[in-house]
Amino acid sequence: MSQPHANIELLLVPQGRQLNFSKELLEIIDVCRRVGDEAAPWEIVAHNARSPFIDTTVFPPGTVVAYYVLHVNQHGEQETRSNVVRTTLS
């Protein structure tokens, strides 16, 4: 099993928060988001996402938002998970 690139990048853009990541041809990417502190639950906000993915959900200033992506193969098996990126909204 080859290891896909597991790093993501978070950029703040006028539309919201942009995630950049690599994706293999037959790979499925699930974008996961946590809103709030580390006790908050993670949720999948996009299935089979493409890069760049832009999250346009509006949150109040001071909200901490974190993301990671799951790399899933065509058989539905998780290959790897990316690093976690986070920002505090202003």
PDB file of N, CA and C in Angstrom:
ATOM      1  N   MET A   1       0.858  -1.173   0.000  1.00  0.00           N
ATOM      2  CA  MET A   1       0.000   0.000   0.000  1.00  0.00           C
ATOM      3  C   MET A   1       0.900   1.230   0.000  1.00  0.00           C
ATOM      4  N   SER A   2       0.680   2.130  -0.946  1.00  0.00           N
ATOM      5  CA  SER A   2       1.472   3.359  -0.992  1.00  0.00           C
ATOM      6  C   SER A   2       0.876   4.385  -0.047  1.00  0.00           C
ATOM      7  N   GLN A   3       1.740   5.198   0.534  1.00  0.00           N
ATOM      8  CA  GLN A   3       1.268   6.248   1.435  1.00  0.00           C
ATOM      9  C   GLN A   3       1.028   7.516   0.635  1.00  0.00           C
ATOM     10  N   PRO A   4      -0.199   8.001   0.559  1.00  0.00           N
ATOM     11  CA  PRO A   4      -0.452   9.262  -0.126  1.00  0.00           C
ATOM     12  C   PRO A   4       0.102  10.416   0.693  1.00  0.00           C
ATOM     13  N   HIS A   5       0.223  11.540   0.039  1.00  0.00           N
ATOM     14  CA  HIS A   5       0.660  12.734   0.753  1.00  0.00           C
ATOM     15  C   HIS A   5      -0.388  13.061   1.803  1.00  0.00           C
ATOM     16  N   ALA A   6       0.061  13.282   3.029  1.00  0.00           N
ATOM     17  CA  ALA A   6      -0.889  13.451   4.119  1.00  0.00           C
ATOM     18  C   ALA A   6      -0.882  14.852   4.705  1.00  0.00           C
ATOM     19  N   ASN A   7      -0.219  15.786   4.073  1.00  0.00           N
ATOM     20  CA  ASN A   7      -0.181  17.143   4.612  1.00  0.00           C
ATOM     21  C   ASN A   7      -1.251  18.004   3.964  1.00  0.00           C
ATOM     22  N   ILE A   8      -1.846  18.867   4.779  1.00  0.00           N
ATOM     23  CA  ILE A   8      -2.775  19.853   4.248  1.00  0.00           C
ATOM     24  C   ILE A   8      -2.309  21.237   4.667  1.00  0.00           C
ATOM     25  N   GLU A   9      -2.797  22.211   3.942  1.00  0.00           N
ATOM     26  CA  GLU A   9      -2.463  23.614   4.199  1.00  0.00           C
ATOM     27  C   GLU A   9      -3.771  24.369   4.368  1.00  0.00           C
ATOM     28  N   LEU A  10      -3.820  25.277   5.337  1.00  0.00           N
ATOM     29  CA  LEU A  10      -5.000  26.099   5.597  1.00  0.00           C
ATOM     30  C   LEU A  10      -4.676  27.543   5.262  1.00  0.00           C
ATOM     31  N   LEU A  11      -5.492  28.137   4.399  1.00  0.00           N
ATOM     32  CA  LEU A  11      -5.348  29.546   4.039  1.00  0.00           C
ATOM     33  C   LEU A  11      -6.658  30.263   4.341  1.00  0.00           C
ATOM     34  N   LEU A  12      -6.555  31.484   4.824  1.00  0.00           N
ATOM     35  CA  LEU A  12      -7.748  32.312   5.014  1.00  0.00           C
ATOM     36  C   LEU A  12      -7.940  33.126   3.746  1.00  0.00           C
ATOM     37  N   VAL A  13      -9.095  32.966   3.109  1.00  0.00           N
ATOM     38  CA  VAL A  13      -9.405  33.647   1.857  1.00  0.00           C
ATOM     39  C   VAL A  13     -10.706  34.422   2.053  1.00  0.00           C
ATOM     40  N   PRO A  14     -11.028  35.373   1.163  1.00  0.00           N
ATOM     41  CA  PRO A  14     -12.253  36.160   1.343  1.00  0.00           C
ATOM     42  C   PRO A  14     -13.521  35.308   1.473  1.00  0.00           C
ATOM     43  N   GLN A  15     -13.568  34.142   0.811  1.00  0.00           N
ATOM     44  CA  GLN A  15     -14.758  33.291   0.851  1.00  0.00           C
ATOM     45  C   GLN A  15     -14.861  32.476   2.142  1.00  0.00           C
ATOM     46  N   GLY A  16     -13.751  32.302   2.861  1.00  0.00           N
ATOM     47  CA  GLY A  16     -13.761  31.467   4.072  1.00  0.00           C
ATOM     48  C   GLY A  16     -12.391  30.894   4.351  1.00  0.00           C
ATOM     49  N   ARG A  17     -12.349  29.576   4.628  1.00  0.00           N
ATOM     50  CA  ARG A  17     -11.103  28.888   4.935  1.00  0.00           C
ATOM     51  C   ARG A  17     -10.831  27.872   3.839  1.00  0.00           C
ATOM     52  N   GLN A  18      -9.668  28.011   3.199  1.00  0.00           N
ATOM     53  CA  GLN A  18      -9.311  27.156   2.068  1.00  0.00           C
ATOM     54  C   GLN A  18      -8.319  26.094   2.512  1.00  0.00           C
ATOM     55  N   LEU A  19      -8.642  24.836   2.208  1.00  0.00           N
ATOM     56  CA  LEU A  19      -7.747  23.717   2.489  1.00  0.00           C
ATOM     57  C   LEU A  19      -7.154  23.228   1.183  1.00  0.00           C
ATOM     58  N   ASN A  20      -5.836  23.118   1.153  1.00  0.00           N
ATOM     59  CA  ASN A  20      -5.127  22.580  -0.004  1.00  0.00           C
ATOM     60  C   ASN A  20      -4.530  21.232   0.389  1.00  0.00           C
ATOM     61  N   PHE A  21      -4.717  20.234  -0.463  1.00  0.00           N
ATOM     62  CA  PHE A  21      -4.190  18.893  -0.197  1.00  0.00           C
ATOM     63  C   PHE A  21      -4.024  18.177  -1.521  1.00  0.00           C
ATOM     64  N   SER A  22      -3.247  17.101  -1.508  1.00  0.00           N
ATOM     65  CA  SER A  22      -3.086  16.307  -2.724  1.00  0.00           C
ATOM     66  C   SER A  22      -4.047  15.126  -2.680  1.00  0.00           C
ATOM     67  N   LYS A  23      -4.396  14.648  -3.867  1.00  0.00           N
ATOM     68  CA  LYS A  23      -5.344  13.544  -3.982  1.00  0.00           C
ATOM     69  C   LYS A  23      -4.918  12.659  -5.140  1.00  0.00           C
ATOM     70  N   GLU A  24      -4.832  11.360  -4.892  1.00  0.00           N
ATOM     71  CA  GLU A  24      -4.543  10.403  -5.953  1.00  0.00           C
ATOM     72  C   GLU A  24      -5.801  10.209  -6.806  1.00  0.00           C
ATOM     73  N   LEU A  25      -5.627   9.690  -8.009  1.00  0.00           N
ATOM     74  CA  LEU A  25      -6.713   9.582  -8.981  1.00  0.00           C
ATOM     75  C   LEU A  25      -7.963   8.883  -8.428  1.00  0.00           C
ATOM     76  N   LEU A  26      -7.822   7.717  -7.839  1.00  0.00           N
ATOM     77  CA  LEU A  26      -8.985   6.951  -7.371  1.00  0.00           C
ATOM     78  C   LEU A  26      -9.251   7.116  -5.881  1.00  0.00           C
ATOM     79  N   GLU A  27      -8.547   8.024  -5.259  1.00  0.00           N
ATOM     80  CA  GLU A  27      -8.645   8.220  -3.818  1.00  0.00           C
ATOM     81  C   GLU A  27      -9.845   9.101  -3.461  1.00  0.00           C
ATOM     82  N   ILE A  28     -10.442   8.819  -2.333  1.00  0.00           N
ATOM     83  CA  ILE A  28     -11.537   9.627  -1.801  1.00  0.00           C
ATOM     84  C   ILE A  28     -10.993  10.419  -0.626  1.00  0.00           C
ATOM     85  N   ILE A  29     -11.332  11.689  -0.575  1.00  0.00           N
ATOM     86  CA  ILE A  29     -10.894  12.556   0.518  1.00  0.00           C
ATOM     87  C   ILE A  29     -12.122  12.998   1.307  1.00  0.00           C
ATOM     88  N   ASP A  30     -12.111  12.728   2.602  1.00  0.00           N
ATOM     89  CA  ASP A  30     -13.136  13.244   3.505  1.00  0.00           C
ATOM     90  C   ASP A  30     -12.522  14.381   4.304  1.00  0.00           C
ATOM     91  N   VAL A  31     -13.171  15.537   4.293  1.00  0.00           N
ATOM     92  CA  VAL A  31     -12.713  16.687   5.078  1.00  0.00           C
ATOM     93  C   VAL A  31     -13.449  16.658   6.405  1.00  0.00           C
ATOM     94  N   CYS A  32     -12.685  16.676   7.491  1.00  0.00           N
ATOM     95  CA  CYS A  32     -13.251  16.638   8.844  1.00  0.00           C
ATOM     96  C   CYS A  32     -12.997  17.970   9.537  1.00  0.00           C
ATOM     97  N   ARG A  33     -13.997  18.433  10.290  1.00  0.00           N
ATOM     98  CA  ARG A  33     -13.893  19.736  10.961  1.00  0.00           C
ATOM     99  C   ARG A  33     -14.325  19.596  12.416  1.00  0.00           C
ATOM    100  N   ARG A  34     -13.627  20.341  13.271  1.00  0.00           N
ATOM    101  CA  ARG A  34     -14.005  20.469  14.684  1.00  0.00           C
ATOM    102  C   ARG A  34     -14.157  21.951  14.971  1.00  0.00           C
ATOM    103  N   VAL A  35     -15.250  22.320  15.605  1.00  0.00           N
ATOM    104  CA  VAL A  35     -15.516  23.719  15.947  1.00  0.00           C
ATOM    105  C   VAL A  35     -15.505  23.828  17.464  1.00  0.00           C
ATOM    106  N   GLY A  36     -14.605  24.650  17.984  1.00  0.00           N
ATOM    107  CA  GLY A  36     -14.513  24.823  19.432  1.00  0.00           C
ATOM    108  C   GLY A  36     -13.253  24.195  19.982  1.00  0.00           C
ATOM    109  N   ASP A  37     -13.289  23.867  21.265  1.00  0.00           N
ATOM    110  CA  ASP A  37     -12.090  23.352  21.924  1.00  0.00           C
ATOM    111  C   ASP A  37     -11.857  21.882  21.573  1.00  0.00           C
ATOM    112  N   GLU A  38     -10.801  21.315  22.137  1.00  0.00           N
ATOM    113  CA  GLU A  38     -10.407  19.951  21.785  1.00  0.00           C
ATOM    114  C   GLU A  38     -11.398  18.890  22.249  1.00  0.00           C
ATOM    115  N   ALA A  39     -12.329  19.245  23.117  1.00  0.00           N
ATOM    116  CA  ALA A  39     -13.357  18.294  23.545  1.00  0.00           C
ATOM    117  C   ALA A  39     -14.512  18.218  22.545  1.00  0.00           C
ATOM    118  N   ALA A  40     -14.574  19.168  21.617  1.00  0.00           N
ATOM    119  CA  ALA A  40     -15.661  19.190  20.628  1.00  0.00           C
ATOM    120  C   ALA A  40     -15.514  18.004  19.672  1.00  0.00           C
ATOM    121  N   PRO A  41     -16.629  17.495  19.155  1.00  0.00           N
ATOM    122  CA  PRO A  41     -16.564  16.351  18.243  1.00  0.00           C
ATOM    123  C   PRO A  41     -16.104  16.759  16.843  1.00  0.00           C
ATOM    124  N   TRP A  42     -15.489  15.817  16.144  1.00  0.00           N
ATOM    125  CA  TRP A  42     -15.141  15.999  14.736  1.00  0.00           C
ATOM    126  C   TRP A  42     -16.346  15.598  13.893  1.00  0.00           C
ATOM    127  N   GLU A  43     -16.551  16.285  12.763  1.00  0.00           N
ATOM    128  CA  GLU A  43     -17.612  15.912  11.832  1.00  0.00           C
ATOM    129  C   GLU A  43     -17.059  15.945  10.414  1.00  0.00           C
ATOM    130  N   ILE A  44     -17.575  15.070   9.569  1.00  0.00           N
ATOM    131  CA  ILE A  44     -17.197  15.088   8.154  1.00  0.00           C
ATOM    132  C   ILE A  44     -18.037  16.162   7.484  1.00  0.00           C
ATOM    133  N   VAL A  45     -17.371  17.152   6.880  1.00  0.00           N
ATOM    134  CA  VAL A  45     -18.092  18.251   6.236  1.00  0.00           C
ATOM    135  C   VAL A  45     -18.066  18.142   4.715  1.00  0.00           C
ATOM    136  N   ALA A  46     -17.232  17.251   4.179  1.00  0.00           N
ATOM    137  CA  ALA A  46     -17.210  17.028   2.731  1.00  0.00           C
ATOM    138  C   ALA A  46     -16.717  15.608   2.471  1.00  0.00           C
ATOM    139  N   HIS A  47     -17.426  14.897   1.603  1.00  0.00           N
ATOM    140  CA  HIS A  47     -17.037  13.545   1.202  1.00  0.00           C
ATOM    141  C   HIS A  47     -16.591  13.602  -0.254  1.00  0.00           C
ATOM    142  N   ASN A  48     -15.491  12.943  -0.553  1.00  0.00           N
ATOM    143  CA  ASN A  48     -14.903  12.935  -1.899  1.00  0.00           C
ATOM    144  C   ASN A  48     -14.588  14.361  -2.357  1.00  0.00           C
ATOM    145  N   ALA A  49     -13.972  15.120  -1.468  1.00  0.00           N
ATOM    146  CA  ALA A  49     -13.661  16.531  -1.730  1.00  0.00           C
ATOM    147  C   ALA A  49     -12.528  16.675  -2.736  1.00  0.00           C
ATOM    148  N   ARG A  50     -12.512  17.813  -3.377  1.00  0.00           N
ATOM    149  CA  ARG A  50     -11.429  18.191  -4.289  1.00  0.00           C
ATOM    150  C   ARG A  50     -10.664  19.350  -3.677  1.00  0.00           C
ATOM    151  N   SER A  51      -9.413  19.459  -4.084  1.00  0.00           N
ATOM    152  CA  SER A  51      -8.567  20.556  -3.613  1.00  0.00           C
ATOM    153  C   SER A  51      -8.493  21.626  -4.689  1.00  0.00           C
ATOM    154  N   PRO A  52      -8.631  22.888  -4.312  1.00  0.00           N
ATOM    155  CA  PRO A  52      -8.816  23.365  -2.946  1.00  0.00           C
ATOM    156  C   PRO A  52     -10.268  23.220  -2.505  1.00  0.00           C
ATOM    157  N   PHE A  53     -10.445  22.933  -1.226  1.00  0.00           N
ATOM    158  CA  PHE A  53     -11.766  22.880  -0.604  1.00  0.00           C
ATOM    159  C   PHE A  53     -11.932  24.165   0.193  1.00  0.00           C
ATOM    160  N   ILE A  54     -13.045  24.865  -0.004  1.00  0.00           N
ATOM    161  CA  ILE A  54     -13.286  26.111   0.727  1.00  0.00           C
ATOM    162  C   ILE A  54     -14.504  25.933   1.624  1.00  0.00           C
ATOM    163  N   ASP A  55     -14.282  26.111   2.916  1.00  0.00           N
ATOM    164  CA  ASP A  55     -15.359  26.052   3.907  1.00  0.00           C
ATOM    165  C   ASP A  55     -15.896  27.469   4.075  1.00  0.00           C
ATOM    166  N   THR A  56     -17.146  27.677   3.681  1.00  0.00           N
ATOM    167  CA  THR A  56     -17.752  29.010   3.726  1.00  0.00           C
ATOM    168  C   THR A  56     -18.673  29.193   4.933  1.00  0.00           C
ATOM    169  N   THR A  57     -18.712  28.204   5.819  1.00  0.00           N
ATOM    170  CA  THR A  57     -19.562  28.303   7.010  1.00  0.00           C
ATOM    171  C   THR A  57     -19.121  29.489   7.862  1.00  0.00           C
ATOM    172  N   VAL A  58     -20.081  30.285   8.298  1.00  0.00           N
ATOM    173  CA  VAL A  58     -19.784  31.475   9.103  1.00  0.00           C
ATOM    174  C   VAL A  58     -19.857  31.110  10.585  1.00  0.00           C
ATOM    175  N   PHE A  59     -18.835  31.528  11.322  1.00  0.00           N
ATOM    176  CA  PHE A  59     -18.777  31.333  12.773  1.00  0.00           C
ATOM    177  C   PHE A  59     -18.473  32.673  13.421  1.00  0.00           C
ATOM    178  N   PRO A  60     -18.830  32.855  14.688  1.00  0.00           N
ATOM    179  CA  PRO A  60     -18.535  34.117  15.371  1.00  0.00           C
ATOM    180  C   PRO A  60     -17.029  34.318  15.552  1.00  0.00           C
ATOM    181  N   PRO A  61     -16.596  35.587  15.631  1.00  0.00           N
ATOM    182  CA  PRO A  61     -15.184  35.862  15.915  1.00  0.00           C
ATOM    183  C   PRO A  61     -14.760  35.171  17.213  1.00  0.00           C
ATOM    184  N   GLY A  62     -13.532  34.702  17.230  1.00  0.00           N
ATOM    185  CA  GLY A  62     -12.994  34.011  18.395  1.00  0.00           C
ATOM    186  C   GLY A  62     -13.198  32.510  18.372  1.00  0.00           C
ATOM    187  N   THR A  63     -13.973  32.014  17.399  1.00  0.00           N
ATOM    188  CA  THR A  63     -14.207  30.573  17.284  1.00  0.00           C
ATOM    189  C   THR A  63     -12.949  29.888  16.761  1.00  0.00           C
ATOM    190  N   VAL A  64     -12.582  28.782  17.393  1.00  0.00           N
ATOM    191  CA  VAL A  64     -11.461  27.971  16.915  1.00  0.00           C
ATOM    192  C   VAL A  64     -12.028  26.896  15.996  1.00  0.00           C
ATOM    193  N   VAL A  65     -11.469  26.812  14.784  1.00  0.00           N
ATOM    194  CA  VAL A  65     -11.900  25.821  13.803  1.00  0.00           C
ATOM    195  C   VAL A  65     -10.671  25.008  13.406  1.00  0.00           C
ATOM    196  N   ALA A  66     -10.803  23.683  13.434  1.00  0.00           N
ATOM    197  CA  ALA A  66      -9.698  22.790  13.080  1.00  0.00           C
ATOM    198  C   ALA A  66     -10.160  21.821  11.994  1.00  0.00           C
ATOM    199  N   TYR A  67      -9.199  21.363  11.181  1.00  0.00           N
ATOM    200  CA  TYR A  67      -9.500  20.456  10.071  1.00  0.00           C
ATOM    201  C   TYR A  67      -8.431  19.381   9.957  1.00  0.00           C
ATOM    202  N   TYR A  68      -8.831  18.246   9.409  1.00  0.00           N
ATOM    203  CA  TYR A  68      -7.897  17.259   8.875  1.00  0.00           C
ATOM    204  C   TYR A  68      -8.614  16.564   7.729  1.00  0.00           C
ATOM    205  N   VAL A  69      -7.863  15.867   6.892  1.00  0.00           N
ATOM    206  CA  VAL A  69      -8.480  15.103   5.811  1.00  0.00           C
ATOM    207  C   VAL A  69      -8.127  13.630   5.969  1.00  0.00           C
ATOM    208  N   LEU A  70      -9.088  12.787   5.616  1.00  0.00           N
ATOM    209  CA  LEU A  70      -8.894  11.341   5.591  1.00  0.00           C
ATOM    210  C   LEU A  70      -8.716  10.921   4.147  1.00  0.00           C
ATOM    211  N   HIS A  71      -7.680  10.161   3.882  1.00  0.00           N
ATOM    212  CA  HIS A  71      -7.449   9.589   2.560  1.00  0.00           C
ATOM    213  C   HIS A  71      -8.022   8.175   2.584  1.00  0.00           C
ATOM    214  N   VAL A  72      -8.991   7.902   1.704  1.00  0.00           N
ATOM    215  CA  VAL A  72      -9.680   6.616   1.663  1.00  0.00           C
ATOM    216  C   VAL A  72      -9.503   6.025   0.268  1.00  0.00           C
ATOM    217  N   ASN A  73      -9.190   4.724   0.178  1.00  0.00           N
ATOM    218  CA  ASN A  73      -9.023   4.112  -1.142  1.00  0.00           C
ATOM    219  C   ASN A  73     -10.380   3.735  -1.736  1.00  0.00           C
ATOM    220  N   GLN A  74     -10.362   3.226  -2.974  1.00  0.00           N
ATOM    221  CA  GLN A  74     -11.619   2.923  -3.661  1.00  0.00           C
ATOM    222  C   GLN A  74     -12.382   1.772  -3.021  1.00  0.00           C
ATOM    223  N   HIS A  75     -11.766   1.059  -2.080  1.00  0.00           N
ATOM    224  CA  HIS A  75     -12.442  -0.019  -1.355  1.00  0.00           C
ATOM    225  C   HIS A  75     -13.055   0.472  -0.045  1.00  0.00           C
ATOM    226  N   GLY A  76     -12.945   1.786   0.215  1.00  0.00           N
ATOM    227  CA  GLY A  76     -13.507   2.356   1.428  1.00  0.00           C
ATOM    228  C   GLY A  76     -12.623   2.224   2.654  1.00  0.00           C
ATOM    229  N   GLU A  77     -11.370   1.803   2.451  1.00  0.00           N
ATOM    230  CA  GLU A  77     -10.441   1.631   3.568  1.00  0.00           C
ATOM    231  C   GLU A  77      -9.634   2.903   3.774  1.00  0.00           C
ATOM    232  N   GLN A  78      -9.519   3.329   5.036  1.00  0.00           N
ATOM    233  CA  GLN A  78      -8.726   4.527   5.335  1.00  0.00           C
ATOM    234  C   GLN A  78      -7.256   4.238   5.089  1.00  0.00           C
ATOM    235  N   GLU A  79      -6.635   5.059   4.258  1.00  0.00           N
ATOM    236  CA  GLU A  79      -5.213   4.923   3.958  1.00  0.00           C
ATOM    237  C   GLU A  79      -4.377   5.678   4.978  1.00  0.00           C
ATOM    238  N   THR A  80      -4.723   6.919   5.201  1.00  0.00           N
ATOM    239  CA  THR A  80      -3.980   7.745   6.147  1.00  0.00           C
ATOM    240  C   THR A  80      -4.805   8.965   6.512  1.00  0.00           C
ATOM    241  N   ARG A  81      -4.338   9.667   7.518  1.00  0.00           N
ATOM    242  CA  ARG A  81      -4.980  10.891   7.984  1.00  0.00           C
ATOM    243  C   ARG A  81      -3.935  11.994   7.942  1.00  0.00           C
ATOM    244  N   SER A  82      -4.351  13.170   7.570  1.00  0.00           N
ATOM    245  CA  SER A  82      -3.417  14.298   7.466  1.00  0.00           C
ATOM    246  C   SER A  82      -3.092  14.885   8.831  1.00  0.00           C
ATOM    247  N   ASN A  83      -2.221  15.858   8.795  1.00  0.00           N
ATOM    248  CA  ASN A  83      -1.979  16.694   9.964  1.00  0.00           C
ATOM    249  C   ASN A  83      -3.242  17.499  10.271  1.00  0.00           C
ATOM    250  N   VAL A  84      -3.339  18.013  11.481  1.00  0.00           N
ATOM    251  CA  VAL A  84      -4.453  18.878  11.881  1.00  0.00           C
ATOM    252  C   VAL A  84      -4.007  20.321  11.718  1.00  0.00           C
ATOM    253  N   VAL A  85      -4.863  21.125  11.073  1.00  0.00           N
ATOM    254  CA  VAL A  85      -4.611  22.566  10.950  1.00  0.00           C
ATOM    255  C   VAL A  85      -5.754  23.288  11.637  1.00  0.00           C
ATOM    256  N   ARG A  86      -5.444  24.445  12.230  1.00  0.00           N
ATOM    257  CA  ARG A  86      -6.500  25.175  12.958  1.00  0.00           C
ATOM    258  C   ARG A  86      -6.250  26.667  12.856  1.00  0.00           C
ATOM    259  N   THR A  87      -7.327  27.397  13.099  1.00  0.00           N
ATOM    260  CA  THR A  87      -7.254  28.850  13.135  1.00  0.00           C
ATOM    261  C   THR A  87      -8.297  29.362  14.123  1.00  0.00           C
ATOM    262  N   THR A  88      -8.041  30.543  14.654  1.00  0.00           N
ATOM    263  CA  THR A  88      -9.017  31.246  15.481  1.00  0.00           C
ATOM    264  C   THR A  88      -9.570  32.378  14.635  1.00  0.00           C
ATOM    265  N   LEU A  89     -10.870  32.400  14.437  1.00  0.00           N
ATOM    266  CA  LEU A  89     -11.486  33.382  13.547  1.00  0.00           C
ATOM    267  C   LEU A  89     -11.492  34.766  14.178  1.00  0.00           C
ATOM    268  N   SER A  90     -11.271  35.755  13.323  1.00  0.00           N
ATOM    269  CA  SER A  90     -11.297  37.139  13.819  1.00  0.00           C
ATOM    270  C   SER A  90     -12.483  37.877  13.244  1.00  0.00           C
TER     271      SER A  90
END
